[in-house]
Full PDB file with SEQRES, HELIX, SHEET, SSBOND, CRYST1, ORIGX, SCALE, CONECT and MASTER records, all heavy atoms in Angstrom:
SEQRES   1 A   41  SER PHE GLY GLN THR VAL LEU ALA MET VAL HIS ASN ALA          
SEQRES   2 A   41  LEU GLY PHE THR SER LYS PRO LEU TYR MET SER PRO GLU          
SEQRES   3 A   41  PHE PHE LYS ARG ARG ASP LEU LYS PHE LEU LEU GLY SER          
SEQRES   4 A   41  SER LYS                                                      
HELIX    1 AA1 PHE A    2  ALA A   13  1                                  12    
HELIX    2 AA2 LEU A   21  MET A   23  5                                   3    
HELIX    3 AA3 SER A   24  PHE A   27  1                                   4    
HELIX    4 AA4 LEU A   33  LEU A   37  1                                   5    
CRYST1    1.000    1.000    1.000  90.00  90.00  90.00 P 1           1          
ORIGX1      1.000000  0.000000  0.000000        0.00000                         
ORIGX2      0.000000  1.000000  0.000000        0.00000                         
ORIGX3      0.000000  0.000000  1.000000        0.00000                         
SCALE1      1.000000  0.000000  0.000000        0.00000                         
SCALE2      0.000000  1.000000  0.000000        0.00000                         
SCALE3      0.000000  0.000000  1.000000        0.00000                         
ATOM      1  N   SER A   1      14.733  64.244 -53.466  1.00  0.00           N  
ATOM      2  CA  SER A   1      15.127  64.297 -52.094  1.00  0.00           C  
ATOM      3  C   SER A   1      15.885  63.032 -51.674  1.00  0.00           C  
ATOM      4  O   SER A   1      15.917  62.050 -52.447  1.00  0.00           O  
ATOM      5  CB  SER A   1      13.883  64.462 -51.207  1.00  0.00           C  
ATOM      6  OG  SER A   1      13.097  63.310 -51.244  1.00  0.00           O  
ATOM      7  N   PHE A   2      16.425  63.047 -50.498  1.00  0.00           N  
ATOM      8  CA  PHE A   2      17.113  61.841 -49.926  1.00  0.00           C  
ATOM      9  C   PHE A   2      16.170  60.659 -49.930  1.00  0.00           C  
ATOM     10  O   PHE A   2      16.554  59.583 -50.383  1.00  0.00           O  
ATOM     11  CB  PHE A   2      17.612  62.145 -48.563  1.00  0.00           C  
ATOM     12  CG  PHE A   2      18.207  60.985 -47.833  1.00  0.00           C  
ATOM     13  CD1 PHE A   2      19.455  60.515 -48.127  1.00  0.00           C  
ATOM     14  CD2 PHE A   2      17.451  60.336 -46.837  1.00  0.00           C  
ATOM     15  CE1 PHE A   2      19.982  59.437 -47.449  1.00  0.00           C  
ATOM     16  CE2 PHE A   2      17.966  59.240 -46.137  1.00  0.00           C  
ATOM     17  CZ  PHE A   2      19.240  58.799 -46.453  1.00  0.00           C  
ATOM     18  N   GLY A   3      14.956  60.812 -49.415  1.00  0.00           N  
ATOM     19  CA  GLY A   3      14.027  59.698 -49.341  1.00  0.00           C  
ATOM     20  C   GLY A   3      13.648  59.150 -50.672  1.00  0.00           C  
ATOM     21  O   GLY A   3      13.556  57.971 -50.868  1.00  0.00           O  
ATOM     22  N   GLN A   4      13.442  60.059 -51.686  1.00  0.00           N  
ATOM     23  CA  GLN A   4      13.131  59.598 -53.041  1.00  0.00           C  
ATOM     24  C   GLN A   4      14.248  58.805 -53.655  1.00  0.00           C  
ATOM     25  O   GLN A   4      14.036  57.812 -54.380  1.00  0.00           O  
ATOM     26  CB  GLN A   4      12.718  60.816 -53.887  1.00  0.00           C  
ATOM     27  CG  GLN A   4      11.398  61.404 -53.560  1.00  0.00           C  
ATOM     28  CD  GLN A   4      11.127  62.642 -54.361  1.00  0.00           C  
ATOM     29  OE1 GLN A   4      11.937  63.598 -54.385  1.00  0.00           O  
ATOM     30  NE2 GLN A   4       9.958  62.708 -55.008  1.00  0.00           N  
ATOM     31  N   THR A   5      15.494  59.266 -53.432  1.00  0.00           N  
ATOM     32  CA  THR A   5      16.645  58.575 -54.013  1.00  0.00           C  
ATOM     33  C   THR A   5      16.840  57.201 -53.380  1.00  0.00           C  
ATOM     34  O   THR A   5      17.133  56.236 -54.047  1.00  0.00           O  
ATOM     35  CB  THR A   5      17.902  59.428 -53.818  1.00  0.00           C  
ATOM     36  OG1 THR A   5      17.648  60.736 -54.263  1.00  0.00           O  
ATOM     37  CG2 THR A   5      19.028  58.843 -54.683  1.00  0.00           C  
ATOM     38  N   VAL A   6      16.631  57.098 -52.026  1.00  0.00           N  
ATOM     39  CA  VAL A   6      16.717  55.805 -51.375  1.00  0.00           C  
ATOM     40  C   VAL A   6      15.654  54.888 -51.906  1.00  0.00           C  
ATOM     41  O   VAL A   6      15.888  53.674 -52.183  1.00  0.00           O  
ATOM     42  CB  VAL A   6      16.597  55.949 -49.854  1.00  0.00           C  
ATOM     43  CG1 VAL A   6      16.573  54.572 -49.177  1.00  0.00           C  
ATOM     44  CG2 VAL A   6      17.775  56.737 -49.280  1.00  0.00           C  
ATOM     45  N   LEU A   7      14.445  55.368 -52.131  1.00  0.00           N  
ATOM     46  CA  LEU A   7      13.355  54.567 -52.677  1.00  0.00           C  
ATOM     47  C   LEU A   7      13.728  54.091 -54.080  1.00  0.00           C  
ATOM     48  O   LEU A   7      13.452  52.945 -54.449  1.00  0.00           O  
ATOM     49  CB  LEU A   7      12.057  55.384 -52.691  1.00  0.00           C  
ATOM     50  CG  LEU A   7      10.843  54.644 -53.294  1.00  0.00           C  
ATOM     51  CD1 LEU A   7      10.569  53.351 -52.538  1.00  0.00           C  
ATOM     52  CD2 LEU A   7       9.617  55.565 -53.229  1.00  0.00           C  
ATOM     53  N   ALA A   8      14.361  54.951 -54.851  1.00  0.00           N  
ATOM     54  CA  ALA A   8      14.800  54.561 -56.189  1.00  0.00           C  
ATOM     55  C   ALA A   8      15.792  53.421 -56.141  1.00  0.00           C  
ATOM     56  O   ALA A   8      15.761  52.471 -56.919  1.00  0.00           O  
ATOM     57  CB  ALA A   8      15.419  55.755 -56.925  1.00  0.00           C  
ATOM     58  N   MET A   9      16.689  53.454 -55.168  1.00  0.00           N  
ATOM     59  CA  MET A   9      17.690  52.400 -54.998  1.00  0.00           C  
ATOM     60  C   MET A   9      17.022  51.078 -54.511  1.00  0.00           C  
ATOM     61  O   MET A   9      17.477  50.008 -54.864  1.00  0.00           O  
ATOM     62  CB  MET A   9      18.774  52.836 -54.024  1.00  0.00           C  
ATOM     63  CG  MET A   9      19.680  53.904 -54.624  1.00  0.00           C  
ATOM     64  SD  MET A   9      21.189  54.211 -53.656  1.00  0.00           S  
ATOM     65  CE  MET A   9      20.518  55.090 -52.267  1.00  0.00           C  
ATOM     66  N   VAL A  10      15.945  51.226 -53.731  1.00  0.00           N  
ATOM     67  CA  VAL A  10      15.180  50.039 -53.363  1.00  0.00           C  
ATOM     68  C   VAL A  10      14.573  49.381 -54.582  1.00  0.00           C  
ATOM     69  O   VAL A  10      14.643  48.152 -54.802  1.00  0.00           O  
ATOM     70  CB  VAL A  10      14.060  50.405 -52.327  1.00  0.00           C  
ATOM     71  CG1 VAL A  10      13.152  49.183 -52.123  1.00  0.00           C  
ATOM     72  CG2 VAL A  10      14.701  50.841 -51.028  1.00  0.00           C  
ATOM     73  N   HIS A  11      13.956  50.191 -55.470  1.00  0.00           N  
ATOM     74  CA  HIS A  11      13.398  49.659 -56.725  1.00  0.00           C  
ATOM     75  C   HIS A  11      14.526  49.025 -57.544  1.00  0.00           C  
ATOM     76  O   HIS A  11      14.371  47.957 -58.119  1.00  0.00           O  
ATOM     77  CB  HIS A  11      12.703  50.787 -57.547  1.00  0.00           C  
ATOM     78  CG  HIS A  11      11.470  51.271 -56.919  1.00  0.00           C  
ATOM     79  ND1 HIS A  11      10.478  50.431 -56.410  1.00  0.00           N  
ATOM     80  CD2 HIS A  11      11.001  52.527 -56.714  1.00  0.00           C  
ATOM     81  CE1 HIS A  11       9.471  51.139 -55.969  1.00  0.00           C  
ATOM     82  NE2 HIS A  11       9.760  52.432 -56.120  1.00  0.00           N  
ATOM     83  N   ASN A  12      15.651  49.731 -57.625  1.00  0.00           N  
ATOM     84  CA  ASN A  12      16.783  49.217 -58.392  1.00  0.00           C  
ATOM     85  C   ASN A  12      17.252  47.870 -57.872  1.00  0.00           C  
ATOM     86  O   ASN A  12      17.575  46.956 -58.621  1.00  0.00           O  
ATOM     87  CB  ASN A  12      17.909  50.242 -58.274  1.00  0.00           C  
ATOM     88  CG  ASN A  12      19.009  50.063 -59.290  1.00  0.00           C  
ATOM     89  OD1 ASN A  12      19.106  48.978 -59.896  1.00  0.00           O  
ATOM     90  ND2 ASN A  12      19.786  51.073 -59.526  1.00  0.00           N  
ATOM     91  N   ALA A  13      17.262  47.710 -56.522  1.00  0.00           N  
ATOM     92  CA  ALA A  13      17.735  46.457 -55.909  1.00  0.00           C  
ATOM     93  C   ALA A  13      16.792  45.298 -56.199  1.00  0.00           C  
ATOM     94  O   ALA A  13      17.169  44.164 -55.970  1.00  0.00           O  
ATOM     95  CB  ALA A  13      17.911  46.659 -54.424  1.00  0.00           C  
ATOM     96  N   LEU A  14      15.575  45.579 -56.639  1.00  0.00           N  
ATOM     97  CA  LEU A  14      14.603  44.525 -56.930  1.00  0.00           C  
ATOM     98  C   LEU A  14      14.711  44.051 -58.390  1.00  0.00           C  
ATOM     99  O   LEU A  14      13.767  43.482 -58.888  1.00  0.00           O  
ATOM    100  CB  LEU A  14      13.171  45.019 -56.631  1.00  0.00           C  
ATOM    101  CG  LEU A  14      12.895  45.316 -55.178  1.00  0.00           C  
ATOM    102  CD1 LEU A  14      11.515  45.994 -55.047  1.00  0.00           C  
ATOM    103  CD2 LEU A  14      12.998  44.090 -54.323  1.00  0.00           C  
ATOM    104  N   GLY A  15      15.830  44.254 -59.013  1.00  0.00           N  
ATOM    105  CA  GLY A  15      15.942  43.767 -60.347  1.00  0.00           C  
ATOM    106  C   GLY A  15      17.189  44.189 -61.138  1.00  0.00           C  
ATOM    107  O   GLY A  15      17.283  43.877 -62.295  1.00  0.00           O  
ATOM    108  N   PHE A  16      18.089  44.910 -60.506  1.00  0.00           N  
ATOM    109  CA  PHE A  16      19.242  45.458 -61.259  1.00  0.00           C  
ATOM    110  C   PHE A  16      20.526  45.355 -60.445  1.00  0.00           C  
ATOM    111  O   PHE A  16      21.445  46.125 -60.604  1.00  0.00           O  
ATOM    112  CB  PHE A  16      18.937  46.917 -61.612  1.00  0.00           C  
ATOM    113  CG  PHE A  16      19.566  47.405 -62.864  1.00  0.00           C  
ATOM    114  CD1 PHE A  16      19.201  46.849 -64.084  1.00  0.00           C  
ATOM    115  CD2 PHE A  16      20.514  48.439 -62.877  1.00  0.00           C  
ATOM    116  CE1 PHE A  16      19.748  47.326 -65.268  1.00  0.00           C  
ATOM    117  CE2 PHE A  16      21.061  48.892 -64.014  1.00  0.00           C  
ATOM    118  CZ  PHE A  16      20.683  48.333 -65.260  1.00  0.00           C  
ATOM    119  N   THR A  17      20.575  44.433 -59.510  1.00  0.00           N  
ATOM    120  CA  THR A  17      21.643  44.415 -58.512  1.00  0.00           C  
ATOM    121  C   THR A  17      23.027  44.092 -59.063  1.00  0.00           C  
ATOM    122  O   THR A  17      24.018  44.427 -58.461  1.00  0.00           O  
ATOM    123  CB  THR A  17      21.321  43.395 -57.428  1.00  0.00           C  
ATOM    124  OG1 THR A  17      21.053  42.141 -58.021  1.00  0.00           O  
ATOM    125  CG2 THR A  17      20.063  43.824 -56.633  1.00  0.00           C  
ATOM    126  N   SER A  18      23.080  43.458 -60.218  1.00  0.00           N  
ATOM    127  CA  SER A  18      24.409  43.051 -60.710  1.00  0.00           C  
ATOM    128  C   SER A  18      25.076  44.048 -61.620  1.00  0.00           C  
ATOM    129  O   SER A  18      26.154  43.848 -62.138  1.00  0.00           O  
ATOM    130  CB  SER A  18      24.262  41.719 -61.521  1.00  0.00           C  
ATOM    131  OG  SER A  18      23.441  41.883 -62.597  1.00  0.00           O  
ATOM    132  N   LYS A  19      24.431  45.188 -61.804  1.00  0.00           N  
ATOM    133  CA  LYS A  19      24.947  46.234 -62.673  1.00  0.00           C  
ATOM    134  C   LYS A  19      25.731  47.273 -61.903  1.00  0.00           C  
ATOM    135  O   LYS A  19      25.423  47.584 -60.744  1.00  0.00           O  
ATOM    136  CB  LYS A  19      23.836  46.903 -63.461  1.00  0.00           C  
ATOM    137  CG  LYS A  19      22.949  45.930 -64.240  1.00  0.00           C  
ATOM    138  CD  LYS A  19      23.681  45.169 -65.320  1.00  0.00           C  
ATOM    139  CE  LYS A  19      22.750  44.293 -66.075  1.00  0.00           C  
ATOM    140  NZ  LYS A  19      23.438  43.416 -67.031  1.00  0.00           N  
ATOM    141  N   PRO A  20      26.756  47.920 -62.522  1.00  0.00           N  
ATOM    142  CA  PRO A  20      27.475  48.998 -61.862  1.00  0.00           C  
ATOM    143  C   PRO A  20      26.606  50.204 -61.630  1.00  0.00           C  
ATOM    144  O   PRO A  20      25.566  50.398 -62.302  1.00  0.00           O  
ATOM    145  CB  PRO A  20      28.613  49.291 -62.779  1.00  0.00           C  
ATOM    146  CG  PRO A  20      28.188  48.780 -64.112  1.00  0.00           C  
ATOM    147  CD  PRO A  20      27.315  47.601 -63.835  1.00  0.00           C  
ATOM    148  N   LEU A  21      26.975  51.094 -60.697  1.00  0.00           N  
ATOM    149  CA  LEU A  21      26.163  52.240 -60.304  1.00  0.00           C  
ATOM    150  C   LEU A  21      25.891  53.159 -61.479  1.00  0.00           C  
ATOM    151  O   LEU A  21      24.756  53.672 -61.595  1.00  0.00           O  
ATOM    152  CB  LEU A  21      26.896  53.013 -59.215  1.00  0.00           C  
ATOM    153  CG  LEU A  21      26.054  53.824 -58.259  1.00  0.00           C  
ATOM    154  CD1 LEU A  21      25.088  52.960 -57.523  1.00  0.00           C  
ATOM    155  CD2 LEU A  21      26.964  54.578 -57.244  1.00  0.00           C  
ATOM    156  N   TYR A  22      26.824  53.329 -62.390  1.00  0.00           N  
ATOM    157  CA  TYR A  22      26.641  54.292 -63.496  1.00  0.00           C  
ATOM    158  C   TYR A  22      25.619  53.791 -64.491  1.00  0.00           C  
ATOM    159  O   TYR A  22      25.148  54.567 -65.359  1.00  0.00           O  
ATOM    160  CB  TYR A  22      27.961  54.622 -64.166  1.00  0.00           C  
ATOM    161  CG  TYR A  22      28.559  53.486 -64.958  1.00  0.00           C  
ATOM    162  CD1 TYR A  22      28.173  53.206 -66.268  1.00  0.00           C  
ATOM    163  CD2 TYR A  22      29.545  52.648 -64.377  1.00  0.00           C  
ATOM    164  CE1 TYR A  22      28.735  52.184 -66.997  1.00  0.00           C  
ATOM    165  CE2 TYR A  22      30.092  51.613 -65.126  1.00  0.00           C  
ATOM    166  CZ  TYR A  22      29.686  51.371 -66.416  1.00  0.00           C  
ATOM    167  OH  TYR A  22      30.227  50.337 -67.109  1.00  0.00           O  
ATOM    168  N   MET A  23      25.225  52.535 -64.399  1.00  0.00           N  
ATOM    169  CA  MET A  23      24.225  51.993 -65.324  1.00  0.00           C  
ATOM    170  C   MET A  23      22.786  52.115 -64.772  1.00  0.00           C  
ATOM    171  O   MET A  23      21.848  51.787 -65.473  1.00  0.00           O  
ATOM    172  CB  MET A  23      24.500  50.516 -65.544  1.00  0.00           C  
ATOM    173  CG  MET A  23      25.718  50.199 -66.344  1.00  0.00           C  
ATOM    174  SD  MET A  23      25.558  50.664 -68.072  1.00  0.00           S  
ATOM    175  CE  MET A  23      24.351  49.477 -68.627  1.00  0.00           C  
ATOM    176  N   SER A  24      22.642  52.687 -63.590  1.00  0.00           N  
ATOM    177  CA  SER A  24      21.320  52.793 -62.981  1.00  0.00           C  
ATOM    178  C   SER A  24      20.314  53.526 -63.841  1.00  0.00           C  
ATOM    179  O   SER A  24      19.123  53.103 -63.892  1.00  0.00           O  
ATOM    180  CB  SER A  24      21.443  53.473 -61.602  1.00  0.00           C  
ATOM    181  OG  SER A  24      22.142  52.656 -60.708  1.00  0.00           O  
ATOM    182  N   PRO A  25      20.665  54.629 -64.522  1.00  0.00           N  
ATOM    183  CA  PRO A  25      19.656  55.285 -65.384  1.00  0.00           C  
ATOM    184  C   PRO A  25      19.062  54.350 -66.404  1.00  0.00           C  
ATOM    185  O   PRO A  25      17.897  54.496 -66.810  1.00  0.00           O  
ATOM    186  CB  PRO A  25      20.432  56.409 -66.046  1.00  0.00           C  
ATOM    187  CG  PRO A  25      21.508  56.740 -65.043  1.00  0.00           C  
ATOM    188  CD  PRO A  25      21.906  55.439 -64.464  1.00  0.00           C  
ATOM    189  N   GLU A  26      19.808  53.359 -66.882  1.00  0.00           N  
ATOM    190  CA  GLU A  26      19.269  52.393 -67.819  1.00  0.00           C  
ATOM    191  C   GLU A  26      18.092  51.594 -67.248  1.00  0.00           C  
ATOM    192  O   GLU A  26      17.135  51.257 -67.971  1.00  0.00           O  
ATOM    193  CB  GLU A  26      20.356  51.391 -68.262  1.00  0.00           C  
ATOM    194  CG  GLU A  26      21.470  52.014 -69.083  1.00  0.00           C  
ATOM    195  CD  GLU A  26      20.955  52.463 -70.447  1.00  0.00           C  
ATOM    196  OE1 GLU A  26      20.116  51.777 -71.009  1.00  0.00           O  
ATOM    197  OE2 GLU A  26      21.414  53.517 -70.932  1.00  0.00           O  
ATOM    198  N   PHE A  27      18.178  51.308 -65.959  1.00  0.00           N  
ATOM    199  CA  PHE A  27      17.104  50.528 -65.295  1.00  0.00           C  
ATOM    200  C   PHE A  27      15.790  51.340 -65.322  1.00  0.00           C  
ATOM    201  O   PHE A  27      14.692  50.759 -65.376  1.00  0.00           O  
ATOM    202  CB  PHE A  27      17.495  50.207 -63.859  1.00  0.00           C  
ATOM    203  CG  PHE A  27      16.438  49.540 -63.064  1.00  0.00           C  
ATOM    204  CD1 PHE A  27      16.100  48.206 -63.306  1.00  0.00           C  
ATOM    205  CD2 PHE A  27      15.733  50.262 -62.117  1.00  0.00           C  
ATOM    206  CE1 PHE A  27      15.097  47.605 -62.546  1.00  0.00           C  
ATOM    207  CE2 PHE A  27      14.741  49.629 -61.356  1.00  0.00           C  
ATOM    208  CZ  PHE A  27      14.437  48.300 -61.565  1.00  0.00           C  
ATOM    209  N   PHE A  28      15.908  52.659 -65.181  1.00  0.00           N  
ATOM    210  CA  PHE A  28      14.708  53.471 -65.047  1.00  0.00           C  
ATOM    211  C   PHE A  28      14.152  54.011 -66.420  1.00  0.00           C  
ATOM    212  O   PHE A  28      13.172  54.751 -66.423  1.00  0.00           O  
ATOM    213  CB  PHE A  28      14.988  54.656 -64.116  1.00  0.00           C  
ATOM    214  CG  PHE A  28      15.170  54.221 -62.704  1.00  0.00           C  
ATOM    215  CD1 PHE A  28      16.437  54.116 -62.151  1.00  0.00           C  
ATOM    216  CD2 PHE A  28      14.055  53.896 -61.913  1.00  0.00           C  
ATOM    217  CE1 PHE A  28      16.601  53.738 -60.827  1.00  0.00           C  
ATOM    218  CE2 PHE A  28      14.240  53.498 -60.575  1.00  0.00           C  
ATOM    219  CZ  PHE A  28      15.483  53.378 -60.054  1.00  0.00           C  
ATOM    220  N   LYS A  29      14.786  53.640 -67.524  1.00  0.00           N  
ATOM    221  CA  LYS A  29      14.282  53.989 -68.805  1.00  0.00           C  
ATOM    222  C   LYS A  29      12.890  53.343 -69.013  1.00  0.00           C  
ATOM    223  O   LYS A  29      12.687  52.183 -68.668  1.00  0.00           O  
ATOM    224  CB  LYS A  29      15.214  53.570 -69.934  1.00  0.00           C  
ATOM    225  CG  LYS A  29      16.412  54.519 -70.102  1.00  0.00           C  
ATOM    226  CD  LYS A  29      17.229  54.123 -71.316  1.00  0.00           C  
ATOM    227  CE  LYS A  29      18.354  55.117 -71.542  1.00  0.00           C  
ATOM    228  NZ  LYS A  29      19.165  54.801 -72.749  1.00  0.00           N  
ATOM    229  N   ARG A  30      11.952  54.114 -69.555  1.00  0.00           N  
ATOM    230  CA  ARG A  30      10.613  53.666 -69.859  1.00  0.00           C  
ATOM    231  C   ARG A  30       9.877  53.223 -68.593  1.00  0.00           C  
ATOM    232  O   ARG A  30       8.979  52.382 -68.621  1.00  0.00           O  
ATOM    233  CB  ARG A  30      10.607  52.524 -70.888  1.00  0.00           C  
ATOM    234  CG  ARG A  30      11.322  52.897 -72.199  1.00  0.00           C  
ATOM    235  CD  ARG A  30      11.119  51.807 -73.257  1.00  0.00           C  
ATOM    236  NE  ARG A  30       9.751  51.796 -73.717  1.00  0.00           N  
ATOM    237  CZ  ARG A  30       9.208  52.659 -74.600  1.00  0.00           C  
ATOM    238  NH1 ARG A  30       9.957  53.615 -75.100  1.00  0.00           N  
ATOM    239  NH2 ARG A  30       7.975  52.558 -74.946  1.00  0.00           N  
ATOM    240  N   ARG A  31      10.289  53.759 -67.424  1.00  0.00           N  
ATOM    241  CA  ARG A  31       9.555  53.512 -66.172  1.00  0.00           C  
ATOM    242  C   ARG A  31       8.743  54.781 -65.833  1.00  0.00           C  
ATOM    243  O   ARG A  31       9.147  55.878 -66.191  1.00  0.00           O  
ATOM    244  CB  ARG A  31      10.527  53.223 -65.008  1.00  0.00           C  
ATOM    245  CG  ARG A  31      11.521  52.123 -65.306  1.00  0.00           C  
ATOM    246  CD  ARG A  31      10.981  50.768 -64.971  1.00  0.00           C  
ATOM    247  NE  ARG A  31      11.947  49.718 -65.196  1.00  0.00           N  
ATOM    248  CZ  ARG A  31      11.739  48.447 -64.990  1.00  0.00           C  
ATOM    249  NH1 ARG A  31      10.548  47.995 -64.609  1.00  0.00           N  
ATOM    250  NH2 ARG A  31      12.669  47.550 -65.256  1.00  0.00           N  
ATOM    251  N   ASP A  32       7.676  54.591 -65.125  1.00  0.00           N  
ATOM    252  CA  ASP A  32       6.844  55.769 -64.708  1.00  0.00           C  
ATOM    253  C   ASP A  32       7.465  56.278 -63.384  1.00  0.00           C  
ATOM    254  O   ASP A  32       7.102  55.886 -62.300  1.00  0.00           O  
ATOM    255  CB  ASP A  32       5.404  55.288 -64.495  1.00  0.00           C  
ATOM    256  CG  ASP A  32       4.480  56.475 -64.229  1.00  0.00           C  
ATOM    257  OD1 ASP A  32       4.975  57.557 -63.872  1.00  0.00           O  
ATOM    258  OD2 ASP A  32       3.265  56.309 -64.386  1.00  0.00           O  
ATOM    259  N   LEU A  33       8.390  57.173 -63.517  1.00  0.00           N  
ATOM    260  CA  LEU A  33       9.134  57.690 -62.347  1.00  0.00           C  
ATOM    261  C   LEU A  33       8.238  58.476 -61.403  1.00  0.00           C  
ATOM    262  O   LEU A  33       8.437  58.423 -60.202  1.00  0.00           O  
ATOM    263  CB  LEU A  33      10.291  58.571 -62.818  1.00  0.00           C  
ATOM    264  CG  LEU A  33      11.421  57.848 -63.516  1.00  0.00           C  
ATOM    265  CD1 LEU A  33      12.535  58.799 -63.851  1.00  0.00           C  
ATOM    266  CD2 LEU A  33      11.965  56.681 -62.724  1.00  0.00           C  
ATOM    267  N   LYS A  34       7.233  59.154 -61.945  1.00  0.00           N  
ATOM    268  CA  LYS A  34       6.313  59.920 -61.068  1.00  0.00           C  
ATOM    269  C   LYS A  34       5.541  58.944 -60.184  1.00  0.00           C  
ATOM    270  O   LYS A  34       5.306  59.182 -59.009  1.00  0.00           O  
ATOM    271  CB  LYS A  34       5.376  60.771 -61.857  1.00  0.00           C  
ATOM    272  CG  LYS A  34       4.464  61.647 -61.008  1.00  0.00           C  
ATOM    273  CD  LYS A  34       3.665  62.591 -61.861  1.00  0.00           C  
ATOM    274  CE  LYS A  34       2.807  63.511 -60.966  1.00  0.00           C  
ATOM    275  NZ  LYS A  34       1.986  64.444 -61.740  1.00  0.00           N  
ATOM    276  N   PHE A  35       5.149  57.829 -60.759  1.00  0.00           N  
ATOM    277  CA  PHE A  35       4.373  56.839 -59.960  1.00  0.00           C  
ATOM    278  C   PHE A  35       5.307  56.162 -58.959  1.00  0.00           C  
ATOM    279  O   PHE A  35       4.885  55.943 -57.808  1.00  0.00           O  
ATOM    280  CB  PHE A  35       3.767  55.762 -60.898  1.00  0.00           C  
ATOM    281  CG  PHE A  35       2.976  54.720 -60.158  1.00  0.00           C  
ATOM    282  CD1 PHE A  35       1.676  54.906 -59.832  1.00  0.00           C  
ATOM    283  CD2 PHE A  35       3.640  53.513 -59.804  1.00  0.00           C  
ATOM    284  CE1 PHE A  35       0.982  53.920 -59.153  1.00  0.00           C  
ATOM    285  CE2 PHE A  35       2.914  52.530 -59.155  1.00  0.00           C  
ATOM    286  CZ  PHE A  35       1.578  52.732 -58.805  1.00  0.00           C  
ATOM    287  N   LEU A  36       6.501  55.866 -59.360  1.00  0.00           N  
ATOM    288  CA  LEU A  36       7.413  55.114 -58.506  1.00  0.00           C  
ATOM    289  C   LEU A  36       7.989  55.972 -57.380  1.00  0.00           C  
ATOM    290  O   LEU A  36       8.188  55.488 -56.252  1.00  0.00           O  
ATOM    291  CB  LEU A  36       8.584  54.525 -59.284  1.00  0.00           C  
ATOM    292  CG  LEU A  36       8.222  53.456 -60.328  1.00  0.00           C  
ATOM    293  CD1 LEU A  36       9.448  53.000 -61.089  1.00  0.00           C  
ATOM    294  CD2 LEU A  36       7.510  52.267 -59.664  1.00  0.00           C  
ATOM    295  N   LEU A  37       8.260  57.277 -57.699  1.00  0.00           N  
ATOM    296  CA  LEU A  37       9.015  58.101 -56.724  1.00  0.00           C  
ATOM    297  C   LEU A  37       8.230  59.340 -56.259  1.00  0.00           C  
ATOM    298  O   LEU A  37       8.587  59.949 -55.277  1.00  0.00           O  
ATOM    299  CB  LEU A  37      10.337  58.577 -57.334  1.00  0.00           C  
ATOM    300  CG  LEU A  37      11.270  57.504 -57.884  1.00  0.00           C  
ATOM    301  CD1 LEU A  37      12.507  58.129 -58.508  1.00  0.00           C  
ATOM    302  CD2 LEU A  37      11.647  56.494 -56.801  1.00  0.00           C  
ATOM    303  N   GLY A  38       7.151  59.679 -56.991  1.00  0.00           N  
ATOM    304  CA  GLY A  38       6.451  60.898 -56.691  1.00  0.00           C  
ATOM    305  C   GLY A  38       7.045  62.097 -57.431  1.00  0.00           C  
ATOM    306  O   GLY A  38       8.035  61.977 -58.172  1.00  0.00           O  
ATOM    307  N   SER A  39       6.487  63.300 -57.216  1.00  0.00           N  
ATOM    308  CA  SER A  39       6.991  64.480 -57.859  1.00  0.00           C  
ATOM    309  C   SER A  39       8.156  65.084 -57.118  1.00  0.00           C  
ATOM    310  O   SER A  39       8.336  64.829 -55.921  1.00  0.00           O  
ATOM    311  CB  SER A  39       5.911  65.533 -57.989  1.00  0.00           C  
ATOM    312  OG  SER A  39       4.796  65.021 -58.723  1.00  0.00           O  
ATOM    313  N   SER A  40       9.008  65.838 -57.820  1.00  0.00           N  
ATOM    314  CA  SER A  40      10.124  66.534 -57.170  1.00  0.00           C  
ATOM    315  C   SER A  40       9.599  67.493 -56.128  1.00  0.00           C  
ATOM    316  O   SER A  40       8.632  68.237 -56.347  1.00  0.00           O  
ATOM    317  CB  SER A  40      10.930  67.296 -58.228  1.00  0.00           C  
ATOM    318  OG  SER A  40      11.814  68.140 -57.614  1.00  0.00           O  
ATOM    319  N   LYS A  41      10.146  67.463 -54.911  1.00  0.00           N  
ATOM    320  CA  LYS A  41       9.696  68.332 -53.849  1.00  0.00           C  
ATOM    321  C   LYS A  41      10.100  69.783 -54.059  1.00  0.00           C  
ATOM    322  O   LYS A  41       9.421  70.712 -53.625  1.00  0.00           O  
ATOM    323  CB  LYS A  41      10.218  67.826 -52.509  1.00  0.00           C  
ATOM    324  CG  LYS A  41       9.584  66.497 -52.091  1.00  0.00           C  
ATOM    325  CD  LYS A  41       9.928  66.121 -50.644  1.00  0.00           C  
ATOM    326  CE  LYS A  41       9.167  64.868 -50.221  1.00  0.00           C  
ATOM    327  NZ  LYS A  41       9.399  64.533 -48.804  1.00  0.00           N  
TER     328      LYS A  41                                                      
MASTER        0    0    0    4    0    0    0    6  327    1    0    4          
END                                                                             
């Protein structure tokens, strides 16, 4: 959802700010996405 994606960008901004947008999936590799964002609505 919109809220989950914004939350993902907040997490991203806490440690990946110097990378281009297309590199964002690299930041979330080996992360517990269910814990960080919740389940898909």
